[in-house]
Amino acid sequence: MAGRNIPPLQPNVSRPWKCPLCSEAYPTEIARNRHLLERHAKHWKCHLCPSTFPTMERRDEHIKHIHARPWDCPLCSLVCPNEDSLRQHMLGQHHILIQWSWSKCPFCPSEFPTYGDRWQHMLQKHLRWYQA
């Protein structure tokens, strides 16, 4: 069905559908809405920090490159790919339910169940410590 393919944008094609957030314009409302979702919507939240992303793929890429680190078992030589794997390993192999030391705020006595919750707290309550 060649008639269903969207032709490439040409300079002389009318583009009445303008993005309200940037200077881009599109020939159809559908194309403009796709642009809004892909470029400006931030539906996908990182569970490790306050960052949000327009697509799941970009969020996953962020997690992979920014937060990825090996999770070493302190009792044996196993290296786990993520926190959940290490937590399951510690419980299953060593019968230990672990609490992460990074859940404690370094600036006050507050404690948090996840790194993302702690990070959000630090940004909201202790931002002056991070400002130059």
N, C-alpha and C. Protein backbone atom coordinates (compact mmCIF):
# COMPACT_ATOMS: atom_id res chain seq x y z
N MET A 1 0.83 -1.18 0.00
CA MET A 1 0.00 0.00 0.00
C MET A 1 0.88 1.24 0.00
N ALA A 2 1.36 1.58 -1.15
CA ALA A 2 2.25 2.73 -1.26
C ALA A 2 1.55 4.04 -0.91
N GLY A 3 0.24 4.12 -1.12
CA GLY A 3 -0.50 5.34 -0.83
C GLY A 3 -0.53 5.67 0.65
N ARG A 4 -0.27 4.69 1.52
CA ARG A 4 -0.30 4.91 2.96
C ARG A 4 1.01 5.45 3.51
N ASN A 5 2.07 5.35 2.74
CA ASN A 5 3.36 5.86 3.20
C ASN A 5 3.33 7.37 3.27
N ILE A 6 3.93 7.91 4.31
CA ILE A 6 4.00 9.37 4.46
C ILE A 6 5.22 9.85 3.68
N PRO A 7 5.01 10.78 2.73
CA PRO A 7 6.15 11.25 1.94
C PRO A 7 7.08 12.09 2.81
N PRO A 8 8.36 12.16 2.43
CA PRO A 8 9.28 13.00 3.20
C PRO A 8 8.84 14.46 3.12
N LEU A 9 9.14 15.21 4.19
CA LEU A 9 8.76 16.61 4.22
C LEU A 9 9.55 17.39 3.18
N GLN A 10 8.87 18.27 2.49
CA GLN A 10 9.49 19.08 1.46
C GLN A 10 9.38 20.54 1.86
N PRO A 11 10.32 21.38 1.48
CA PRO A 11 10.29 22.78 1.90
C PRO A 11 9.03 23.53 1.47
N ASN A 12 8.45 23.18 0.32
CA ASN A 12 7.30 23.91 -0.19
C ASN A 12 5.95 23.38 0.32
N VAL A 13 5.97 22.35 1.18
CA VAL A 13 4.74 21.79 1.72
C VAL A 13 4.26 22.68 2.86
N SER A 14 2.97 22.97 2.87
CA SER A 14 2.39 23.79 3.94
C SER A 14 2.50 23.05 5.27
N ARG A 15 2.89 23.77 6.29
CA ARG A 15 3.04 23.19 7.63
C ARG A 15 2.27 24.04 8.64
N PRO A 16 0.94 23.91 8.64
CA PRO A 16 0.13 24.76 9.52
C PRO A 16 0.11 24.34 10.98
N TRP A 17 0.55 23.11 11.27
CA TRP A 17 0.48 22.60 12.65
C TRP A 17 1.78 22.90 13.37
N LYS A 18 1.79 23.98 14.13
CA LYS A 18 3.00 24.43 14.82
C LYS A 18 3.07 23.84 16.24
N CYS A 19 4.27 23.51 16.63
CA CYS A 19 4.50 23.04 18.00
C CYS A 19 4.43 24.24 18.93
N PRO A 20 3.66 24.14 20.01
CA PRO A 20 3.56 25.26 20.94
C PRO A 20 4.80 25.42 21.83
N LEU A 21 5.73 24.47 21.76
CA LEU A 21 6.89 24.49 22.65
C LEU A 21 8.21 24.81 21.96
N CYS A 22 8.22 24.72 20.64
CA CYS A 22 9.45 25.04 19.91
C CYS A 22 9.07 25.60 18.54
N SER A 23 10.03 25.80 17.69
CA SER A 23 9.77 26.44 16.39
C SER A 23 9.37 25.46 15.29
N GLU A 24 9.27 24.19 15.58
CA GLU A 24 8.93 23.20 14.56
C GLU A 24 7.48 23.34 14.10
N ALA A 25 7.25 23.02 12.81
CA ALA A 25 5.90 23.02 12.25
C ALA A 25 5.73 21.78 11.39
N TYR A 26 4.49 21.29 11.28
CA TYR A 26 4.22 20.02 10.62
C TYR A 26 3.03 20.13 9.69
N PRO A 27 3.00 19.27 8.64
CA PRO A 27 1.90 19.33 7.67
C PRO A 27 0.59 18.74 8.20
N THR A 28 0.69 17.89 9.22
CA THR A 28 -0.53 17.28 9.76
C THR A 28 -0.55 17.37 11.28
N GLU A 29 -1.74 17.27 11.82
CA GLU A 29 -1.89 17.29 13.28
C GLU A 29 -1.25 16.04 13.89
N ILE A 30 -1.38 14.92 13.19
CA ILE A 30 -0.79 13.66 13.68
C ILE A 30 0.73 13.79 13.80
N ALA A 31 1.35 14.38 12.78
CA ALA A 31 2.81 14.55 12.81
C ALA A 31 3.22 15.49 13.95
N ARG A 32 2.46 16.56 14.16
CA ARG A 32 2.76 17.48 15.26
C ARG A 32 2.60 16.79 16.61
N ASN A 33 1.52 16.00 16.77
CA ASN A 33 1.30 15.29 18.03
C ASN A 33 2.39 14.26 18.29
N ARG A 34 2.84 13.58 17.25
CA ARG A 34 3.93 12.62 17.41
C ARG A 34 5.19 13.35 17.89
N HIS A 35 5.46 14.51 17.28
CA HIS A 35 6.59 15.33 17.71
C HIS A 35 6.46 15.72 19.18
N LEU A 36 5.28 16.16 19.60
CA LEU A 36 5.07 16.56 21.00
C LEU A 36 5.36 15.40 21.94
N LEU A 37 4.89 14.21 21.59
CA LEU A 37 5.12 13.05 22.46
C LEU A 37 6.59 12.64 22.50
N GLU A 38 7.23 12.65 21.33
CA GLU A 38 8.61 12.19 21.27
C GLU A 38 9.61 13.20 21.80
N ARG A 39 9.35 14.48 21.60
CA ARG A 39 10.33 15.50 21.96
C ARG A 39 10.04 16.22 23.27
N HIS A 40 8.78 16.37 23.63
CA HIS A 40 8.46 17.23 24.77
C HIS A 40 7.78 16.53 25.94
N ALA A 41 7.10 15.43 25.69
CA ALA A 41 6.42 14.74 26.80
C ALA A 41 7.45 14.03 27.65
N LYS A 42 7.20 14.00 28.94
CA LYS A 42 8.13 13.33 29.85
C LYS A 42 7.34 12.37 30.72
N HIS A 43 7.00 11.24 30.12
CA HIS A 43 6.15 10.26 30.80
C HIS A 43 6.94 9.20 31.56
N TRP A 44 8.19 9.00 31.22
CA TRP A 44 8.95 7.88 31.77
C TRP A 44 9.93 8.38 32.82
N LYS A 45 9.67 8.06 34.09
CA LYS A 45 10.48 8.53 35.21
C LYS A 45 11.53 7.49 35.58
N CYS A 46 12.73 7.97 35.83
CA CYS A 46 13.80 7.12 36.34
C CYS A 46 13.50 6.81 37.80
N HIS A 47 13.58 5.54 38.20
CA HIS A 47 13.30 5.18 39.59
C HIS A 47 14.51 5.42 40.50
N LEU A 48 15.63 5.86 39.93
CA LEU A 48 16.83 6.10 40.72
C LEU A 48 17.15 7.58 40.94
N CYS A 49 16.50 8.45 40.17
CA CYS A 49 16.72 9.89 40.32
C CYS A 49 15.48 10.62 39.78
N PRO A 50 15.41 11.93 39.91
CA PRO A 50 14.22 12.66 39.48
C PRO A 50 14.06 12.84 37.97
N SER A 51 14.97 12.36 37.16
CA SER A 51 14.90 12.58 35.72
C SER A 51 13.68 11.92 35.09
N THR A 52 13.13 12.58 34.06
CA THR A 52 12.03 12.02 33.29
C THR A 52 12.39 12.06 31.81
N PHE A 53 11.74 11.19 31.02
CA PHE A 53 12.11 11.03 29.62
C PHE A 53 10.87 10.86 28.75
N PRO A 54 10.96 11.26 27.47
CA PRO A 54 9.80 11.17 26.58
C PRO A 54 9.49 9.74 26.14
N THR A 55 10.48 8.85 26.18
CA THR A 55 10.23 7.47 25.77
C THR A 55 10.87 6.51 26.78
N MET A 56 10.34 5.30 26.80
CA MET A 56 10.89 4.27 27.67
C MET A 56 12.33 3.95 27.27
N GLU A 57 12.60 3.96 25.96
CA GLU A 57 13.94 3.65 25.48
C GLU A 57 14.97 4.65 25.99
N ARG A 58 14.60 5.94 25.98
CA ARG A 58 15.53 6.96 26.47
C ARG A 58 15.74 6.83 27.98
N ARG A 59 14.68 6.49 28.71
CA ARG A 59 14.82 6.27 30.15
C ARG A 59 15.75 5.10 30.42
N ASP A 60 15.55 4.00 29.70
CA ASP A 60 16.39 2.82 29.89
C ASP A 60 17.85 3.10 29.53
N GLU A 61 18.06 3.89 28.48
CA GLU A 61 19.41 4.28 28.08
C GLU A 61 20.06 5.11 29.19
N HIS A 62 19.31 6.03 29.79
CA HIS A 62 19.79 6.84 30.91
C HIS A 62 20.21 5.94 32.07
N ILE A 63 19.36 5.02 32.45
CA ILE A 63 19.66 4.12 33.57
C ILE A 63 20.92 3.31 33.27
N LYS A 64 21.01 2.82 32.05
CA LYS A 64 22.15 1.99 31.66
C LYS A 64 23.47 2.77 31.75
N HIS A 65 23.46 4.02 31.29
CA HIS A 65 24.71 4.78 31.23
C HIS A 65 25.00 5.61 32.47
N ILE A 66 23.97 6.03 33.18
CA ILE A 66 24.19 6.90 34.34
C ILE A 66 24.22 6.11 35.65
N HIS A 67 23.32 5.16 35.79
CA HIS A 67 23.20 4.46 37.07
C HIS A 67 23.76 3.04 37.06
N ALA A 68 24.16 2.55 35.90
CA ALA A 68 24.63 1.16 35.83
C ALA A 68 25.94 1.01 36.60
N ARG A 69 25.97 0.02 37.44
CA ARG A 69 27.18 -0.33 38.16
C ARG A 69 27.00 -1.75 38.66
N PRO A 70 28.06 -2.48 38.80
CA PRO A 70 27.90 -3.83 39.32
C PRO A 70 27.55 -3.79 40.80
N TRP A 71 26.75 -4.71 41.22
CA TRP A 71 26.36 -4.84 42.63
C TRP A 71 27.07 -6.07 43.17
N ASP A 72 28.16 -5.86 43.91
CA ASP A 72 28.96 -6.95 44.44
C ASP A 72 28.37 -7.47 45.74
N CYS A 73 28.31 -8.80 45.84
CA CYS A 73 27.89 -9.41 47.10
C CYS A 73 29.04 -9.28 48.09
N PRO A 74 28.78 -8.75 49.28
CA PRO A 74 29.86 -8.58 50.26
C PRO A 74 30.29 -9.90 50.92
N LEU A 75 29.56 -11.00 50.68
CA LEU A 75 29.86 -12.27 51.33
C LEU A 75 30.46 -13.32 50.41
N CYS A 76 30.34 -13.13 49.12
CA CYS A 76 30.92 -14.09 48.17
C CYS A 76 31.35 -13.33 46.92
N SER A 77 31.80 -14.01 45.92
CA SER A 77 32.36 -13.34 44.74
C SER A 77 31.32 -12.99 43.68
N LEU A 78 30.05 -13.19 43.94
CA LEU A 78 29.02 -12.94 42.93
C LEU A 78 28.88 -11.44 42.65
N VAL A 79 28.83 -11.09 41.37
CA VAL A 79 28.55 -9.72 40.95
C VAL A 79 27.19 -9.74 40.26
N CYS A 80 26.26 -8.98 40.79
CA CYS A 80 24.89 -8.94 40.25
C CYS A 80 24.73 -7.72 39.34
N PRO A 81 23.86 -7.83 38.33
CA PRO A 81 23.70 -6.72 37.40
C PRO A 81 22.89 -5.55 37.95
N ASN A 82 22.12 -5.78 39.01
CA ASN A 82 21.30 -4.70 39.55
C ASN A 82 20.97 -4.95 41.01
N GLU A 83 20.38 -3.95 41.63
CA GLU A 83 20.05 -4.01 43.06
C GLU A 83 19.10 -5.16 43.39
N ASP A 84 18.07 -5.33 42.56
CA ASP A 84 17.10 -6.39 42.84
C ASP A 84 17.74 -7.78 42.81
N SER A 85 18.64 -8.00 41.85
CA SER A 85 19.32 -9.30 41.78
C SER A 85 20.17 -9.54 43.02
N LEU A 86 20.88 -8.52 43.48
CA LEU A 86 21.70 -8.68 44.68
C LEU A 86 20.82 -8.92 45.90
N ARG A 87 19.73 -8.19 46.00
CA ARG A 87 18.82 -8.36 47.13
C ARG A 87 18.28 -9.81 47.16
N GLN A 88 17.86 -10.32 45.99
CA GLN A 88 17.36 -11.70 45.91
C GLN A 88 18.46 -12.70 46.24
N HIS A 89 19.66 -12.46 45.73
CA HIS A 89 20.79 -13.34 46.01
C HIS A 89 21.08 -13.38 47.51
N MET A 90 21.15 -12.22 48.14
CA MET A 90 21.46 -12.15 49.58
C MET A 90 20.42 -12.89 50.40
N LEU A 91 19.16 -12.74 50.03
CA LEU A 91 18.09 -13.41 50.77
C LEU A 91 18.11 -14.92 50.50
N GLY A 92 18.23 -15.30 49.23
CA GLY A 92 18.18 -16.72 48.86
C GLY A 92 19.41 -17.51 49.26
N GLN A 93 20.60 -16.96 49.06
CA GLN A 93 21.83 -17.69 49.32
C GLN A 93 22.36 -17.51 50.74
N HIS A 94 22.20 -16.32 51.29
CA HIS A 94 22.79 -16.03 52.59
C HIS A 94 21.75 -15.80 53.69
N HIS A 95 20.47 -15.85 53.30
CA HIS A 95 19.36 -15.65 54.25
C HIS A 95 19.46 -14.32 54.99
N ILE A 96 19.84 -13.29 54.23
CA ILE A 96 19.99 -11.95 54.81
C ILE A 96 19.11 -10.98 54.01
N LEU A 97 18.26 -10.27 54.73
CA LEU A 97 17.47 -9.21 54.11
C LEU A 97 18.25 -7.92 54.31
N ILE A 98 18.72 -7.34 53.22
CA ILE A 98 19.62 -6.19 53.37
C ILE A 98 18.88 -4.86 53.26
N GLN A 99 19.38 -3.90 54.02
CA GLN A 99 18.96 -2.50 53.94
C GLN A 99 20.15 -1.73 53.39
N TRP A 100 19.92 -0.89 52.42
CA TRP A 100 21.01 -0.18 51.78
C TRP A 100 21.43 1.03 52.60
N SER A 101 22.73 1.20 52.79
CA SER A 101 23.22 2.34 53.55
C SER A 101 22.96 3.66 52.83
N TRP A 102 22.83 3.62 51.49
CA TRP A 102 22.61 4.87 50.78
C TRP A 102 21.19 5.37 50.91
N SER A 103 20.32 4.67 51.66
CA SER A 103 18.96 5.17 51.85
C SER A 103 18.92 6.26 52.91
N LYS A 104 20.02 6.47 53.62
CA LYS A 104 20.08 7.51 54.64
C LYS A 104 20.58 8.81 54.01
N CYS A 105 19.93 9.90 54.37
CA CYS A 105 20.35 11.22 53.88
C CYS A 105 21.67 11.59 54.54
N PRO A 106 22.67 12.05 53.76
CA PRO A 106 23.95 12.42 54.36
C PRO A 106 23.91 13.76 55.11
N PHE A 107 22.81 14.50 54.98
CA PHE A 107 22.71 15.82 55.59
C PHE A 107 21.79 15.87 56.81
N CYS A 108 20.94 14.87 56.98
CA CYS A 108 20.00 14.87 58.11
C CYS A 108 19.66 13.42 58.47
N PRO A 109 18.91 13.17 59.53
CA PRO A 109 18.62 11.80 59.95
C PRO A 109 17.58 11.05 59.10
N SER A 110 17.04 11.68 58.07
CA SER A 110 15.99 11.05 57.26
C SER A 110 16.50 9.80 56.55
N GLU A 111 15.61 8.80 56.41
CA GLU A 111 15.92 7.56 55.69
C GLU A 111 14.86 7.34 54.63
N PHE A 112 15.24 6.66 53.53
CA PHE A 112 14.35 6.48 52.40
C PHE A 112 14.45 5.06 51.86
N PRO A 113 13.34 4.54 51.32
CA PRO A 113 13.34 3.15 50.82
C PRO A 113 14.10 2.98 49.51
N THR A 114 14.27 4.05 48.73
CA THR A 114 14.99 3.93 47.46
C THR A 114 15.95 5.09 47.29
N TYR A 115 16.92 4.88 46.41
CA TYR A 115 17.87 5.94 46.08
C TYR A 115 17.14 7.14 45.48
N GLY A 116 16.15 6.87 44.61
CA GLY A 116 15.39 7.94 43.98
C GLY A 116 14.66 8.80 44.99
N ASP A 117 14.07 8.17 46.02
CA ASP A 117 13.39 8.93 47.07
C ASP A 117 14.38 9.80 47.84
N ARG A 118 15.54 9.24 48.14
CA ARG A 118 16.56 10.01 48.86
C ARG A 118 17.05 11.18 48.01
N TRP A 119 17.28 10.93 46.73
CA TRP A 119 17.76 11.97 45.82
C TRP A 119 16.74 13.11 45.74
N GLN A 120 15.46 12.77 45.63
CA GLN A 120 14.40 13.77 45.57
C GLN A 120 14.42 14.61 46.86
N HIS A 121 14.55 13.96 48.00
CA HIS A 121 14.61 14.65 49.29
C HIS A 121 15.80 15.62 49.32
N MET A 122 16.97 15.15 48.90
CA MET A 122 18.16 15.99 48.95
C MET A 122 18.02 17.21 48.06
N LEU A 123 17.42 17.03 46.88
CA LEU A 123 17.23 18.16 45.98
C LEU A 123 16.25 19.17 46.56
N GLN A 124 15.20 18.68 47.21
CA GLN A 124 14.18 19.58 47.75
C GLN A 124 14.61 20.23 49.05
N LYS A 125 15.27 19.50 49.93
CA LYS A 125 15.58 20.00 51.26
C LYS A 125 17.00 20.53 51.43
N HIS A 126 17.93 20.01 50.66
CA HIS A 126 19.33 20.35 50.88
C HIS A 126 20.02 20.86 49.62
N LEU A 127 19.29 21.45 48.71
CA LEU A 127 19.86 21.87 47.43
C LEU A 127 21.03 22.82 47.60
N ARG A 128 21.00 23.65 48.63
CA ARG A 128 22.08 24.62 48.81
C ARG A 128 23.45 23.94 48.95
N TRP A 129 23.49 22.69 49.40
CA TRP A 129 24.75 21.95 49.54
C TRP A 129 25.35 21.64 48.16
N TYR A 130 24.48 21.55 47.13
CA TYR A 130 24.94 21.20 45.79
C TYR A 130 25.25 22.42 44.95
N GLN A 131 24.84 23.59 45.39
CA GLN A 131 25.06 24.79 44.60
C GLN A 131 26.47 25.33 44.85
N ALA A 132 27.08 25.80 43.79
CA ALA A 132 28.46 26.31 43.91
C ALA A 132 28.47 27.69 44.54
